[in-house]
Structure formats: C-alpha cells, structure tokens
C-alpha cells in the first residue's frame, strides 16, 4: 500500500485473511484498502468487522487500562 499498489495490498490481505481471524487491526486495515479503491460496500463491511472485534475484546474483560483506552479510542474512530 505504501508503494501505491492498492490492488496488490488487497490481494495480499485476502491471501492471509484466515491467519489473522479476529484481529481488529487487520479488519480495519483490510477495510481501508477497498475504501481507497472505491469499493465502499466492501470497506463498510470491513469496518463493521473491525468494530465487532474490538467490542468482543472489550467485553471479554481482562484488558489493562492502557489497552482498554486504546480499544475505546479505536471503537470511537470506527463508529
């Protein structure tokens, strides 16, 4: 993506999707690429997945205060 190869970044993310299941940061990044490609419906779905993953992490409990603050911040950004 940094090199301007959005399609290549998109394909790479798709290739490794199974290995990062449940990773909220992955979902957020995976949504940003289609957004930049103009695939807005796909981007919205990715952002929703990211928000859901952050919610699950928050309500599972056991997060340190700094990590909880980070999760809250990311959730606000995605809403």
N, C-alpha and C. Protein backbone atom coordinates (compact mmCIF):
# COMPACT_ATOMS: atom_id res chain seq x y z
N UNK A 1 0.83 -1.18 0.00
CA UNK A 1 0.00 0.00 0.00
C UNK A 1 0.88 1.25 0.00
N UNK A 2 1.97 1.21 0.76
CA UNK A 2 2.88 2.36 0.81
C UNK A 2 3.49 2.66 -0.55
N UNK A 3 3.62 1.63 -1.39
CA UNK A 3 4.19 1.81 -2.72
C UNK A 3 3.13 2.21 -3.75
N UNK A 4 1.90 2.36 -3.30
CA UNK A 4 0.83 2.75 -4.20
C UNK A 4 0.15 1.59 -4.90
N UNK A 5 0.49 0.38 -4.54
CA UNK A 5 -0.11 -0.81 -5.15
C UNK A 5 -1.29 -1.27 -4.31
N UNK A 6 -2.39 -0.55 -4.43
CA UNK A 6 -3.57 -0.88 -3.63
C UNK A 6 -4.14 -2.24 -3.98
N UNK A 7 -4.17 -2.55 -5.26
CA UNK A 7 -4.70 -3.85 -5.66
C UNK A 7 -3.82 -4.98 -5.11
N UNK A 8 -2.52 -4.81 -5.16
CA UNK A 8 -1.60 -5.82 -4.61
C UNK A 8 -1.78 -5.97 -3.11
N UNK A 9 -1.98 -4.84 -2.42
CA UNK A 9 -2.21 -4.88 -0.98
C UNK A 9 -3.51 -5.61 -0.68
N UNK A 10 -4.52 -5.35 -1.47
CA UNK A 10 -5.82 -6.00 -1.29
C UNK A 10 -5.69 -7.52 -1.46
N UNK A 11 -4.98 -7.93 -2.50
CA UNK A 11 -4.79 -9.36 -2.75
C UNK A 11 -3.99 -10.02 -1.62
N UNK A 12 -2.98 -9.33 -1.14
CA UNK A 12 -2.16 -9.86 -0.04
C UNK A 12 -3.00 -10.03 1.23
N UNK A 13 -3.83 -9.04 1.53
CA UNK A 13 -4.69 -9.13 2.71
C UNK A 13 -5.68 -10.29 2.57
N UNK A 14 -6.24 -10.47 1.40
CA UNK A 14 -7.17 -11.58 1.17
C UNK A 14 -6.46 -12.91 1.35
N UNK A 15 -5.23 -12.99 0.86
CA UNK A 15 -4.47 -14.24 0.92
C UNK A 15 -4.24 -14.69 2.37
N UNK A 16 -4.05 -13.74 3.28
CA UNK A 16 -3.71 -14.06 4.66
C UNK A 16 -4.87 -13.85 5.64
N UNK A 17 -6.06 -13.70 5.13
CA UNK A 17 -7.22 -13.42 5.99
C UNK A 17 -7.46 -14.49 7.04
N UNK A 18 -7.31 -15.74 6.69
CA UNK A 18 -7.57 -16.83 7.63
C UNK A 18 -6.61 -16.86 8.80
N UNK A 19 -5.39 -16.40 8.59
CA UNK A 19 -4.39 -16.47 9.65
C UNK A 19 -4.52 -15.34 10.67
N UNK A 20 -5.35 -14.36 10.39
CA UNK A 20 -5.50 -13.24 11.33
C UNK A 20 -6.95 -13.06 11.76
N UNK A 21 -7.73 -14.10 11.67
CA UNK A 21 -9.14 -14.03 12.04
C UNK A 21 -9.29 -13.49 13.45
N UNK A 22 -10.16 -12.52 13.62
CA UNK A 22 -10.41 -11.93 14.93
C UNK A 22 -9.52 -10.76 15.26
N UNK A 23 -8.55 -10.41 14.41
CA UNK A 23 -7.63 -9.30 14.68
C UNK A 23 -8.28 -8.01 14.20
N UNK A 24 -8.70 -7.18 15.13
CA UNK A 24 -9.43 -5.96 14.79
C UNK A 24 -8.60 -5.01 13.94
N UNK A 25 -7.30 -4.90 14.21
CA UNK A 25 -6.46 -4.02 13.41
C UNK A 25 -6.38 -4.50 11.97
N UNK A 26 -6.33 -5.81 11.79
CA UNK A 26 -6.33 -6.37 10.43
C UNK A 26 -7.61 -5.96 9.71
N UNK A 27 -8.76 -6.12 10.36
CA UNK A 27 -10.03 -5.78 9.72
C UNK A 27 -10.09 -4.30 9.35
N UNK A 28 -9.59 -3.45 10.23
CA UNK A 28 -9.60 -2.01 9.94
C UNK A 28 -8.71 -1.70 8.74
N UNK A 29 -7.53 -2.29 8.70
CA UNK A 29 -6.62 -2.07 7.57
C UNK A 29 -7.21 -2.67 6.31
N UNK A 30 -7.82 -3.84 6.44
CA UNK A 30 -8.43 -4.51 5.30
C UNK A 30 -9.60 -3.70 4.76
N UNK A 31 -10.23 -2.89 5.56
CA UNK A 31 -11.32 -2.03 5.10
C UNK A 31 -10.78 -0.76 4.43
N UNK A 32 -9.63 -0.29 4.87
CA UNK A 32 -9.06 0.94 4.32
C UNK A 32 -8.65 0.77 2.86
N UNK A 33 -8.15 -0.41 2.52
CA UNK A 33 -7.70 -0.64 1.14
C UNK A 33 -8.87 -0.59 0.16
N UNK A 34 -9.96 -1.35 0.39
CA UNK A 34 -11.09 -1.24 -0.55
C UNK A 34 -11.69 0.18 -0.58
N UNK A 35 -11.64 0.87 0.56
CA UNK A 35 -12.15 2.24 0.58
C UNK A 35 -11.36 3.09 -0.41
N UNK A 36 -10.05 2.97 -0.39
CA UNK A 36 -9.20 3.73 -1.31
C UNK A 36 -9.37 3.28 -2.76
N UNK A 37 -9.80 2.04 -2.95
CA UNK A 37 -10.05 1.53 -4.29
C UNK A 37 -11.45 1.89 -4.79
N UNK A 38 -12.24 2.55 -3.94
CA UNK A 38 -13.60 2.94 -4.31
C UNK A 38 -14.62 1.84 -4.13
N UNK A 39 -14.25 0.79 -3.43
CA UNK A 39 -15.17 -0.33 -3.15
C UNK A 39 -15.82 -0.10 -1.78
N UNK A 40 -16.74 0.83 -1.75
CA UNK A 40 -17.26 1.31 -0.49
C UNK A 40 -18.08 0.29 0.29
N UNK A 41 -18.87 -0.52 -0.38
CA UNK A 41 -19.64 -1.54 0.35
C UNK A 41 -18.72 -2.53 1.04
N UNK A 42 -17.66 -2.92 0.35
CA UNK A 42 -16.67 -3.84 0.92
C UNK A 42 -15.96 -3.19 2.11
N UNK A 43 -15.66 -1.90 1.98
CA UNK A 43 -15.00 -1.17 3.07
C UNK A 43 -15.89 -1.10 4.30
N UNK A 44 -17.16 -0.79 4.11
CA UNK A 44 -18.10 -0.70 5.24
C UNK A 44 -18.17 -2.04 5.96
N UNK A 45 -18.23 -3.13 5.22
CA UNK A 45 -18.28 -4.46 5.84
C UNK A 45 -17.02 -4.72 6.65
N UNK A 46 -15.88 -4.32 6.15
CA UNK A 46 -14.62 -4.49 6.88
C UNK A 46 -14.56 -3.67 8.15
N UNK A 47 -15.02 -2.43 8.07
CA UNK A 47 -15.03 -1.59 9.27
C UNK A 47 -15.99 -2.15 10.31
N UNK A 48 -17.12 -2.70 9.87
CA UNK A 48 -18.06 -3.31 10.83
C UNK A 48 -17.41 -4.50 11.53
N UNK A 49 -16.69 -5.32 10.75
CA UNK A 49 -15.98 -6.48 11.35
C UNK A 49 -14.97 -6.00 12.38
N UNK A 50 -14.25 -4.92 12.06
CA UNK A 50 -13.25 -4.39 13.00
C UNK A 50 -13.92 -3.92 14.28
N UNK A 51 -15.01 -3.20 14.15
CA UNK A 51 -15.73 -2.70 15.32
C UNK A 51 -16.23 -3.87 16.17
N UNK A 52 -16.76 -4.89 15.53
CA UNK A 52 -17.22 -6.07 16.27
C UNK A 52 -16.07 -6.75 17.01
N UNK A 53 -14.91 -6.84 16.38
CA UNK A 53 -13.75 -7.47 17.03
C UNK A 53 -13.29 -6.66 18.23
N UNK A 54 -13.29 -5.34 18.10
CA UNK A 54 -12.92 -4.50 19.25
C UNK A 54 -13.94 -4.65 20.38
N UNK A 55 -15.22 -4.71 20.03
CA UNK A 55 -16.26 -4.90 21.06
C UNK A 55 -16.07 -6.22 21.80
N UNK A 56 -15.80 -7.28 21.05
CA UNK A 56 -15.59 -8.59 21.69
C UNK A 56 -14.39 -8.53 22.64
N UNK A 57 -13.33 -7.88 22.21
CA UNK A 57 -12.14 -7.77 23.06
C UNK A 57 -12.46 -6.98 24.32
N UNK A 58 -13.19 -5.89 24.17
CA UNK A 58 -13.52 -5.06 25.33
C UNK A 58 -14.38 -5.80 26.34
N UNK A 59 -15.41 -6.47 25.86
CA UNK A 59 -16.35 -7.10 26.77
C UNK A 59 -15.91 -8.48 27.25
N UNK A 60 -14.83 -9.00 26.68
CA UNK A 60 -14.28 -10.25 27.19
C UNK A 60 -13.60 -10.02 28.52
N UNK A 61 -13.21 -8.76 28.75
CA UNK A 61 -12.56 -8.40 30.02
C UNK A 61 -11.09 -8.75 30.03
N UNK A 62 -10.44 -8.34 31.10
CA UNK A 62 -9.04 -8.67 31.30
C UNK A 62 -8.07 -7.73 30.61
N UNK A 63 -8.56 -6.64 30.01
CA UNK A 63 -7.66 -5.70 29.35
C UNK A 63 -7.06 -4.74 30.37
N UNK A 64 -5.79 -4.43 30.20
CA UNK A 64 -5.16 -3.44 31.07
C UNK A 64 -5.77 -2.07 30.77
N UNK A 65 -5.69 -1.13 31.71
CA UNK A 65 -6.26 0.21 31.45
C UNK A 65 -5.74 0.87 30.17
N UNK A 66 -4.42 0.81 29.88
CA UNK A 66 -3.97 1.42 28.62
C UNK A 66 -4.55 0.73 27.38
N UNK A 67 -4.65 -0.58 27.43
CA UNK A 67 -5.20 -1.32 26.30
C UNK A 67 -6.70 -1.05 26.16
N UNK A 68 -7.39 -0.96 27.26
CA UNK A 68 -8.81 -0.62 27.23
C UNK A 68 -9.02 0.77 26.64
N UNK A 69 -8.17 1.71 26.99
CA UNK A 69 -8.26 3.07 26.43
C UNK A 69 -8.03 3.04 24.92
N UNK A 70 -7.07 2.22 24.48
CA UNK A 70 -6.80 2.08 23.05
C UNK A 70 -8.02 1.51 22.33
N UNK A 71 -8.61 0.46 22.89
CA UNK A 71 -9.78 -0.17 22.29
C UNK A 71 -10.93 0.83 22.22
N UNK A 72 -11.16 1.59 23.29
CA UNK A 72 -12.22 2.59 23.28
C UNK A 72 -11.98 3.65 22.20
N UNK A 73 -10.73 4.07 22.06
CA UNK A 73 -10.38 5.07 21.05
C UNK A 73 -10.67 4.53 19.65
N UNK A 74 -10.24 3.30 19.38
CA UNK A 74 -10.46 2.71 18.06
C UNK A 74 -11.96 2.53 17.78
N UNK A 75 -12.71 2.15 18.80
CA UNK A 75 -14.16 1.99 18.62
C UNK A 75 -14.81 3.31 18.25
N UNK A 76 -14.39 4.39 18.90
CA UNK A 76 -14.94 5.72 18.58
C UNK A 76 -14.61 6.10 17.14
N UNK A 77 -13.40 5.79 16.69
CA UNK A 77 -12.99 6.11 15.34
C UNK A 77 -13.81 5.34 14.30
N UNK A 78 -14.21 4.13 14.64
CA UNK A 78 -14.91 3.28 13.69
C UNK A 78 -16.43 3.47 13.69
N UNK A 79 -16.95 4.15 14.67
CA UNK A 79 -18.41 4.33 14.75
C UNK A 79 -18.86 5.47 13.85
